[in-house]
Amino acid sequence: MIKVTIKCFSQVKYALGTNELILELDSGTTTSKLEQLVREMAEGKLDDISLRVAVNQKYVPNEVELQDGDEVAFIPPVQGG
């Protein structure tokens, strides 16, 4: 098992009702699997939103395997107006 911290911003924060989660995951969990889990937790509120993924404050362009203690951020598109 590994433990990761998830930082939630903007729509992700509103969908999950928190700005941070700490989850215990199976060893070998990838960013894609974690994103799928987060989307399931959001109960459809993130279905039409593309998310960028950062691990330890660096954007990752592809799926990566998470390590114990990693900090993962799911960042929706920038909004403004």
PDB file of N, CA and C in Angstrom:
ATOM      1  N   MET A   1       0.844  -1.197   0.000  1.00  0.00           N
ATOM      2  CA  MET A   1       0.000   0.000   0.000  1.00  0.00           C
ATOM      3  C   MET A   1       0.880   1.247   0.000  1.00  0.00           C
ATOM      4  N   ILE A   2       0.375   2.268  -0.657  1.00  0.00           N
ATOM      5  CA  ILE A   2       1.039   3.570  -0.652  1.00  0.00           C
ATOM      6  C   ILE A   2       0.023   4.620  -0.211  1.00  0.00           C
ATOM      7  N   LYS A   3       0.539   5.714   0.289  1.00  0.00           N
ATOM      8  CA  LYS A   3      -0.319   6.825   0.697  1.00  0.00           C
ATOM      9  C   LYS A   3       0.055   8.040  -0.145  1.00  0.00           C
ATOM     10  N   VAL A   4      -0.960   8.652  -0.776  1.00  0.00           N
ATOM     11  CA  VAL A   4      -0.736   9.847  -1.585  1.00  0.00           C
ATOM     12  C   VAL A   4      -1.663  10.963  -1.129  1.00  0.00           C
ATOM     13  N   THR A   5      -1.204  12.175  -1.316  1.00  0.00           N
ATOM     14  CA  THR A   5      -2.000  13.364  -1.024  1.00  0.00           C
ATOM     15  C   THR A   5      -2.501  13.913  -2.346  1.00  0.00           C
ATOM     16  N   ILE A   6      -3.786  14.201  -2.399  1.00  0.00           N
ATOM     17  CA  ILE A   6      -4.389  14.758  -3.609  1.00  0.00           C
ATOM     18  C   ILE A   6      -4.786  16.195  -3.325  1.00  0.00           C
ATOM     19  N   LYS A   7      -4.245  17.110  -4.111  1.00  0.00           N
ATOM     20  CA  LYS A   7      -4.603  18.520  -4.024  1.00  0.00           C
ATOM     21  C   LYS A   7      -5.725  18.793  -5.021  1.00  0.00           C
ATOM     22  N   CYS A   8      -6.785  19.403  -4.551  1.00  0.00           N
ATOM     23  CA  CYS A   8      -7.967  19.643  -5.388  1.00  0.00           C
ATOM     24  C   CYS A   8      -8.127  21.137  -5.640  1.00  0.00           C
ATOM     25  N   PHE A   9      -8.244  21.496  -6.910  1.00  0.00           N
ATOM     26  CA  PHE A   9      -8.392  22.888  -7.295  1.00  0.00           C
ATOM     27  C   PHE A   9      -9.674  23.084  -8.097  1.00  0.00           C
ATOM     28  N   SER A  10     -10.240  24.270  -8.026  1.00  0.00           N
ATOM     29  CA  SER A  10     -11.360  24.708  -8.854  1.00  0.00           C
ATOM     30  C   SER A  10     -12.491  23.695  -8.886  1.00  0.00           C
ATOM     31  N   GLN A  11     -12.868  23.208 -10.079  1.00  0.00           N
ATOM     32  CA  GLN A  11     -14.006  22.294 -10.194  1.00  0.00           C
ATOM     33  C   GLN A  11     -13.796  21.001  -9.414  1.00  0.00           C
ATOM     34  N   VAL A  12     -12.573  20.542  -9.315  1.00  0.00           N
ATOM     35  CA  VAL A  12     -12.297  19.313  -8.562  1.00  0.00           C
ATOM     36  C   VAL A  12     -12.606  19.545  -7.082  1.00  0.00           C
ATOM     37  N   LYS A  13     -12.199  20.698  -6.575  1.00  0.00           N
ATOM     38  CA  LYS A  13     -12.478  21.053  -5.182  1.00  0.00           C
ATOM     39  C   LYS A  13     -13.982  21.097  -4.929  1.00  0.00           C
ATOM     40  N   TYR A  14     -14.717  21.733  -5.815  1.00  0.00           N
ATOM     41  CA  TYR A  14     -16.162  21.836  -5.629  1.00  0.00           C
ATOM     42  C   TYR A  14     -16.850  20.478  -5.773  1.00  0.00           C
ATOM     43  N   ALA A  15     -16.374  19.667  -6.712  1.00  0.00           N
ATOM     44  CA  ALA A  15     -16.988  18.354  -6.944  1.00  0.00           C
ATOM     45  C   ALA A  15     -16.790  17.419  -5.759  1.00  0.00           C
ATOM     46  N   LEU A  16     -15.616  17.504  -5.114  1.00  0.00           N
ATOM     47  CA  LEU A  16     -15.311  16.601  -4.001  1.00  0.00           C
ATOM     48  C   LEU A  16     -15.592  17.224  -2.634  1.00  0.00           C
ATOM     49  N   GLY A  17     -15.774  18.537  -2.609  1.00  0.00           N
ATOM     50  CA  GLY A  17     -16.084  19.204  -1.357  1.00  0.00           C
ATOM     51  C   GLY A  17     -14.907  19.367  -0.412  1.00  0.00           C
ATOM     52  N   THR A  18     -13.693  19.312  -0.954  1.00  0.00           N
ATOM     53  CA  THR A  18     -12.502  19.476  -0.132  1.00  0.00           C
ATOM     54  C   THR A  18     -11.346  19.948  -1.007  1.00  0.00           C
ATOM     55  N   ASN A  19     -10.346  20.545  -0.385  1.00  0.00           N
ATOM     56  CA  ASN A  19      -9.188  20.976  -1.167  1.00  0.00           C
ATOM     57  C   ASN A  19      -8.017  19.998  -1.057  1.00  0.00           C
ATOM     58  N   GLU A  20      -8.182  18.950  -0.234  1.00  0.00           N
ATOM     59  CA  GLU A  20      -7.115  17.962  -0.094  1.00  0.00           C
ATOM     60  C   GLU A  20      -7.676  16.635   0.386  1.00  0.00           C
ATOM     61  N   LEU A  21      -7.183  15.563  -0.197  1.00  0.00           N
ATOM     62  CA  LEU A  21      -7.529  14.206   0.217  1.00  0.00           C
ATOM     63  C   LEU A  21      -6.240  13.435   0.460  1.00  0.00           C
ATOM     64  N   ILE A  22      -6.265  12.535   1.399  1.00  0.00           N
ATOM     65  CA  ILE A  22      -5.166  11.595   1.584  1.00  0.00           C
ATOM     66  C   ILE A  22      -5.756  10.206   1.414  1.00  0.00           C
ATOM     67  N   LEU A  23      -5.220   9.468   0.436  1.00  0.00           N
ATOM     68  CA  LEU A  23      -5.753   8.147   0.128  1.00  0.00           C
ATOM     69  C   LEU A  23      -4.670   7.088   0.235  1.00  0.00           C
ATOM     70  N   GLU A  24      -5.061   5.910   0.689  1.00  0.00           N
ATOM     71  CA  GLU A  24      -4.193   4.743   0.637  1.00  0.00           C
ATOM     72  C   GLU A  24      -4.581   3.950  -0.599  1.00  0.00           C
ATOM     73  N   LEU A  25      -3.604   3.648  -1.420  1.00  0.00           N
ATOM     74  CA  LEU A  25      -3.828   2.976  -2.696  1.00  0.00           C
ATOM     75  C   LEU A  25      -2.951   1.736  -2.787  1.00  0.00           C
ATOM     76  N   ASP A  26      -3.315   0.851  -3.682  1.00  0.00           N
ATOM     77  CA  ASP A  26      -2.488  -0.319  -3.935  1.00  0.00           C
ATOM     78  C   ASP A  26      -1.174   0.100  -4.560  1.00  0.00           C
ATOM     79  N   SER A  27      -0.101  -0.589  -4.213  1.00  0.00           N
ATOM     80  CA  SER A  27       1.174  -0.358  -4.884  1.00  0.00           C
ATOM     81  C   SER A  27       0.971  -0.598  -6.366  1.00  0.00           C
ATOM     82  N   GLY A  28       1.609   0.204  -7.192  1.00  0.00           N
ATOM     83  CA  GLY A  28       1.468   0.078  -8.629  1.00  0.00           C
ATOM     84  C   GLY A  28       0.350   0.927  -9.215  1.00  0.00           C
ATOM     85  N   THR A  29      -0.381   1.661  -8.363  1.00  0.00           N
ATOM     86  CA  THR A  29      -1.439   2.538  -8.864  1.00  0.00           C
ATOM     87  C   THR A  29      -0.814   3.630  -9.728  1.00  0.00           C
ATOM     88  N   THR A  30      -1.454   3.915 -10.850  1.00  0.00           N
ATOM     89  CA  THR A  30      -0.963   4.934 -11.776  1.00  0.00           C
ATOM     90  C   THR A  30      -1.811   6.197 -11.669  1.00  0.00           C
ATOM     91  N   THR A  31      -1.311   7.261 -12.284  1.00  0.00           N
ATOM     92  CA  THR A  31      -2.066   8.511 -12.304  1.00  0.00           C
ATOM     93  C   THR A  31      -3.402   8.324 -13.011  1.00  0.00           C
ATOM     94  N   SER A  32      -3.446   7.508 -14.050  1.00  0.00           N
ATOM     95  CA  SER A  32      -4.710   7.264 -14.761  1.00  0.00           C
ATOM     96  C   SER A  32      -5.726   6.566 -13.872  1.00  0.00           C
ATOM     97  N   LYS A  33      -5.280   5.576 -13.126  1.00  0.00           N
ATOM     98  CA  LYS A  33      -6.178   4.858 -12.221  1.00  0.00           C
ATOM     99  C   LYS A  33      -6.671   5.794 -11.119  1.00  0.00           C
ATOM    100  N   LEU A  34      -5.789   6.640 -10.604  1.00  0.00           N
ATOM    101  CA  LEU A  34      -6.189   7.589  -9.572  1.00  0.00           C
ATOM    102  C   LEU A  34      -7.188   8.601 -10.137  1.00  0.00           C
ATOM    103  N   GLU A  35      -6.969   9.072 -11.353  1.00  0.00           N
ATOM    104  CA  GLU A  35      -7.923  10.001 -11.960  1.00  0.00           C
ATOM    105  C   GLU A  35      -9.293   9.342 -12.096  1.00  0.00           C
ATOM    106  N   GLN A  36      -9.317   8.091 -12.505  1.00  0.00           N
ATOM    107  CA  GLN A  36     -10.579   7.356 -12.614  1.00  0.00           C
ATOM    108  C   GLN A  36     -11.273   7.286 -11.252  1.00  0.00           C
ATOM    109  N   LEU A  37     -10.521   7.024 -10.201  1.00  0.00           N
ATOM    110  CA  LEU A  37     -11.075   6.954  -8.851  1.00  0.00           C
ATOM    111  C   LEU A  37     -11.642   8.307  -8.416  1.00  0.00           C
ATOM    112  N   VAL A  38     -10.908   9.377  -8.689  1.00  0.00           N
ATOM    113  CA  VAL A  38     -11.359  10.723  -8.333  1.00  0.00           C
ATOM    114  C   VAL A  38     -12.642  11.066  -9.087  1.00  0.00           C
ATOM    115  N   ARG A  39     -12.699  10.717 -10.361  1.00  0.00           N
ATOM    116  CA  ARG A  39     -13.909  10.979 -11.149  1.00  0.00           C
ATOM    117  C   ARG A  39     -15.107  10.202 -10.590  1.00  0.00           C
ATOM    118  N   GLU A  40     -14.881   8.967 -10.148  1.00  0.00           N
ATOM    119  CA  GLU A  40     -15.960   8.183  -9.538  1.00  0.00           C
ATOM    120  C   GLU A  40     -16.421   8.829  -8.232  1.00  0.00           C
ATOM    121  N   MET A  41     -15.485   9.334  -7.447  1.00  0.00           N
ATOM    122  CA  MET A  41     -15.820   9.999  -6.189  1.00  0.00           C
ATOM    123  C   MET A  41     -16.637  11.262  -6.433  1.00  0.00           C
ATOM    124  N   ALA A  42     -16.426  11.910  -7.581  1.00  0.00           N
ATOM    125  CA  ALA A  42     -17.128  13.155  -7.922  1.00  0.00           C
ATOM    126  C   ALA A  42     -18.537  12.901  -8.430  1.00  0.00           C
ATOM    127  N   GLU A  43     -18.899  11.654  -8.606  1.00  0.00           N
ATOM    128  CA  GLU A  43     -20.261  11.267  -8.997  1.00  0.00           C
ATOM    129  C   GLU A  43     -20.763  12.010 -10.229  1.00  0.00           C
ATOM    130  N   GLY A  44     -19.942  12.046 -11.271  1.00  0.00           N
ATOM    131  CA  GLY A  44     -20.362  12.636 -12.535  1.00  0.00           C
ATOM    132  C   GLY A  44     -20.099  14.118 -12.693  1.00  0.00           C
ATOM    133  N   LYS A  45     -19.706  14.796 -11.627  1.00  0.00           N
ATOM    134  CA  LYS A  45     -19.515  16.251 -11.704  1.00  0.00           C
ATOM    135  C   LYS A  45     -18.280  16.651 -12.511  1.00  0.00           C
ATOM    136  N   LEU A  46     -17.401  15.694 -12.794  1.00  0.00           N
ATOM    137  CA  LEU A  46     -16.195  16.008 -13.569  1.00  0.00           C
ATOM    138  C   LEU A  46     -16.193  15.341 -14.937  1.00  0.00           C
ATOM    139  N   ASP A  47     -17.326  14.767 -15.333  1.00  0.00           N
ATOM    140  CA  ASP A  47     -17.371  13.972 -16.555  1.00  0.00           C
ATOM    141  C   ASP A  47     -16.953  14.730 -17.811  1.00  0.00           C
ATOM    142  N   ASP A  48     -17.303  15.986 -17.943  1.00  0.00           N
ATOM    143  CA  ASP A  48     -16.994  16.739 -19.159  1.00  0.00           C
ATOM    144  C   ASP A  48     -15.811  17.683 -18.989  1.00  0.00           C
ATOM    145  N   ILE A  49     -15.005  17.441 -17.974  1.00  0.00           N
ATOM    146  CA  ILE A  49     -13.884  18.334 -17.679  1.00  0.00           C
ATOM    147  C   ILE A  49     -12.567  17.595 -17.889  1.00  0.00           C
ATOM    148  N   SER A  50     -11.701  18.168 -18.724  1.00  0.00           N
ATOM    149  CA  SER A  50     -10.377  17.573 -18.904  1.00  0.00           C
ATOM    150  C   SER A  50      -9.489  18.048 -17.755  1.00  0.00           C
ATOM    151  N   LEU A  51      -8.636  17.182 -17.291  1.00  0.00           N
ATOM    152  CA  LEU A  51      -7.785  17.500 -16.156  1.00  0.00           C
ATOM    153  C   LEU A  51      -6.322  17.288 -16.529  1.00  0.00           C
ATOM    154  N   ARG A  52      -5.487  18.222 -16.118  1.00  0.00           N
ATOM    155  CA  ARG A  52      -4.031  18.025 -16.208  1.00  0.00           C
ATOM    156  C   ARG A  52      -3.594  17.432 -14.888  1.00  0.00           C
ATOM    157  N   VAL A  53      -2.547  16.639 -14.937  1.00  0.00           N
ATOM    158  CA  VAL A  53      -2.077  15.952 -13.739  1.00  0.00           C
ATOM    159  C   VAL A  53      -0.661  16.416 -13.419  1.00  0.00           C
ATOM    160  N   ALA A  54      -0.452  16.745 -12.151  1.00  0.00           N
ATOM    161  CA  ALA A  54       0.894  17.083 -11.674  1.00  0.00           C
ATOM    162  C   ALA A  54       1.228  16.146 -10.519  1.00  0.00           C
ATOM    163  N   VAL A  55       2.437  15.639 -10.526  1.00  0.00           N
ATOM    164  CA  VAL A  55       2.924  14.797  -9.436  1.00  0.00           C
ATOM    165  C   VAL A  55       4.120  15.519  -8.827  1.00  0.00           C
ATOM    166  N   ASN A  56       4.028  15.764  -7.539  1.00  0.00           N
ATOM    167  CA  ASN A  56       5.087  16.481  -6.817  1.00  0.00           C
ATOM    168  C   ASN A  56       5.417  17.809  -7.485  1.00  0.00           C
ATOM    169  N   GLN A  57       4.350  18.518  -7.854  1.00  0.00           N
ATOM    170  CA  GLN A  57       4.391  19.872  -8.410  1.00  0.00           C
ATOM    171  C   GLN A  57       5.030  19.961  -9.791  1.00  0.00           C
ATOM    172  N   LYS A  58       5.024  18.838 -10.538  1.00  0.00           N
ATOM    173  CA  LYS A  58       5.517  18.845 -11.914  1.00  0.00           C
ATOM    174  C   LYS A  58       4.478  18.155 -12.783  1.00  0.00           C
ATOM    175  N   TYR A  59       4.091  18.826 -13.874  1.00  0.00           N
ATOM    176  CA  TYR A  59       3.140  18.226 -14.794  1.00  0.00           C
ATOM    177  C   TYR A  59       3.723  16.937 -15.368  1.00  0.00           C
ATOM    178  N   VAL A  60       2.869  15.924 -15.470  1.00  0.00           N
ATOM    179  CA  VAL A  60       3.289  14.676 -16.100  1.00  0.00           C
ATOM    180  C   VAL A  60       2.461  14.503 -17.372  1.00  0.00           C
ATOM    181  N   PRO A  61       3.129  14.395 -18.529  1.00  0.00           N
ATOM    182  CA  PRO A  61       2.398  14.312 -19.792  1.00  0.00           C
ATOM    183  C   PRO A  61       1.780  12.931 -20.033  1.00  0.00           C
ATOM    184  N   ASN A  62       2.313  11.921 -19.385  1.00  0.00           N
ATOM    185  CA  ASN A  62       1.843  10.556 -19.585  1.00  0.00           C
ATOM    186  C   ASN A  62       1.551   9.908 -18.241  1.00  0.00           C
ATOM    187  N   GLU A  63       0.959   8.748 -18.305  1.00  0.00           N
ATOM    188  CA  GLU A  63       0.660   7.978 -17.103  1.00  0.00           C
ATOM    189  C   GLU A  63       1.962   7.590 -16.399  1.00  0.00           C
ATOM    190  N   VAL A  64       1.992   7.795 -15.075  1.00  0.00           N
ATOM    191  CA  VAL A  64       3.151   7.375 -14.288  1.00  0.00           C
ATOM    192  C   VAL A  64       2.672   6.583 -13.077  1.00  0.00           C
ATOM    193  N   GLU A  65       3.542   5.712 -12.595  1.00  0.00           N
ATOM    194  CA  GLU A  65       3.236   4.944 -11.400  1.00  0.00           C
ATOM    195  C   GLU A  65       3.511   5.808 -10.176  1.00  0.00           C
ATOM    196  N   LEU A  66       2.556   5.832  -9.257  1.00  0.00           N
ATOM    197  CA  LEU A  66       2.691   6.653  -8.058  1.00  0.00           C
ATOM    198  C   LEU A  66       3.524   5.941  -7.002  1.00  0.00           C
ATOM    199  N   GLN A  67       4.205   6.748  -6.199  1.00  0.00           N
ATOM    200  CA  GLN A  67       5.043   6.237  -5.127  1.00  0.00           C
ATOM    201  C   GLN A  67       4.500   6.718  -3.786  1.00  0.00           C
ATOM    202  N   ASP A  68       4.850   6.016  -2.718  1.00  0.00           N
ATOM    203  CA  ASP A  68       4.418   6.402  -1.389  1.00  0.00           C
ATOM    204  C   ASP A  68       4.869   7.828  -1.089  1.00  0.00           C
ATOM    205  N   GLY A  69       3.948   8.643  -0.611  1.00  0.00           N
ATOM    206  CA  GLY A  69       4.268  10.019  -0.249  1.00  0.00           C
ATOM    207  C   GLY A  69       4.092  11.034  -1.363  1.00  0.00           C
ATOM    208  N   ASP A  70       3.744  10.591  -2.565  1.00  0.00           N
ATOM    209  CA  ASP A  70       3.566  11.529  -3.679  1.00  0.00           C
ATOM    210  C   ASP A  70       2.408  12.489  -3.397  1.00  0.00           C
ATOM    211  N   GLU A  71       2.544  13.685  -3.960  1.00  0.00           N
ATOM    212  CA  GLU A  71       1.476  14.671  -3.947  1.00  0.00           C
ATOM    213  C   GLU A  71       0.979  14.801  -5.385  1.00  0.00           C
ATOM    214  N   VAL A  72      -0.312  14.572  -5.572  1.00  0.00           N
ATOM    215  CA  VAL A  72      -0.905  14.607  -6.903  1.00  0.00           C
ATOM    216  C   VAL A  72      -1.918  15.740  -6.963  1.00  0.00           C
ATOM    217  N   ALA A  73      -1.858  16.512  -8.032  1.00  0.00           N
ATOM    218  CA  ALA A  73      -2.834  17.583  -8.240  1.00  0.00           C
ATOM    219  C   ALA A  73      -3.549  17.340  -9.556  1.00  0.00           C
ATOM    220  N   PHE A  74      -4.873  17.455  -9.518  1.00  0.00           N
ATOM    221  CA  PHE A  74      -5.682  17.398 -10.729  1.00  0.00           C
ATOM    222  C   PHE A  74      -6.134  18.817 -11.010  1.00  0.00           C
ATOM    223  N   ILE A  75      -5.688  19.349 -12.134  1.00  0.00           N
ATOM    224  CA  ILE A  75      -5.882  20.769 -12.422  1.00  0.00           C
ATOM    225  C   ILE A  75      -6.779  20.915 -13.647  1.00  0.00           C
ATOM    226  N   PRO A  76      -7.965  21.495 -13.437  1.00  0.00           N
ATOM    227  CA  PRO A  76      -8.876  21.718 -14.562  1.00  0.00           C
ATOM    228  C   PRO A  76      -8.398  22.909 -15.389  1.00  0.00           C
ATOM    229  N   PRO A  77      -9.019  23.119 -16.558  1.00  0.00           N
ATOM    230  CA  PRO A  77      -8.657  24.272 -17.393  1.00  0.00           C
ATOM    231  C   PRO A  77      -8.829  25.587 -16.609  1.00  0.00           C
ATOM    232  N   VAL A  78      -7.997  26.548 -16.943  1.00  0.00           N
ATOM    233  CA  VAL A  78      -8.060  27.846 -16.292  1.00  0.00           C
ATOM    234  C   VAL A  78      -9.387  28.524 -16.652  1.00  0.00           C
ATOM    235  N   GLN A  79     -10.024  29.106 -15.666  1.00  0.00           N
ATOM    236  CA  GLN A  79     -11.248  29.839 -15.896  1.00  0.00           C
ATOM    237  C   GLN A  79     -11.010  31.292 -15.533  1.00  0.00           C
ATOM    238  N   GLY A  80     -11.805  32.124 -16.063  1.00  0.00           N
ATOM    239  CA  GLY A  80     -11.671  33.528 -15.721  1.00  0.00           C
ATOM    240  C   GLY A  80     -12.730  34.340 -16.430  1.00  0.00           C
ATOM    241  N   GLY A  81     -12.696  35.598 -16.164  1.00  0.00           N
ATOM    242  CA  GLY A  81     -13.662  36.417 -16.872  1.00  0.00           C
ATOM    243  C   GLY A  81     -13.759  37.784 -16.322  1.00  0.00           C
TER     244      GLY A  81
END
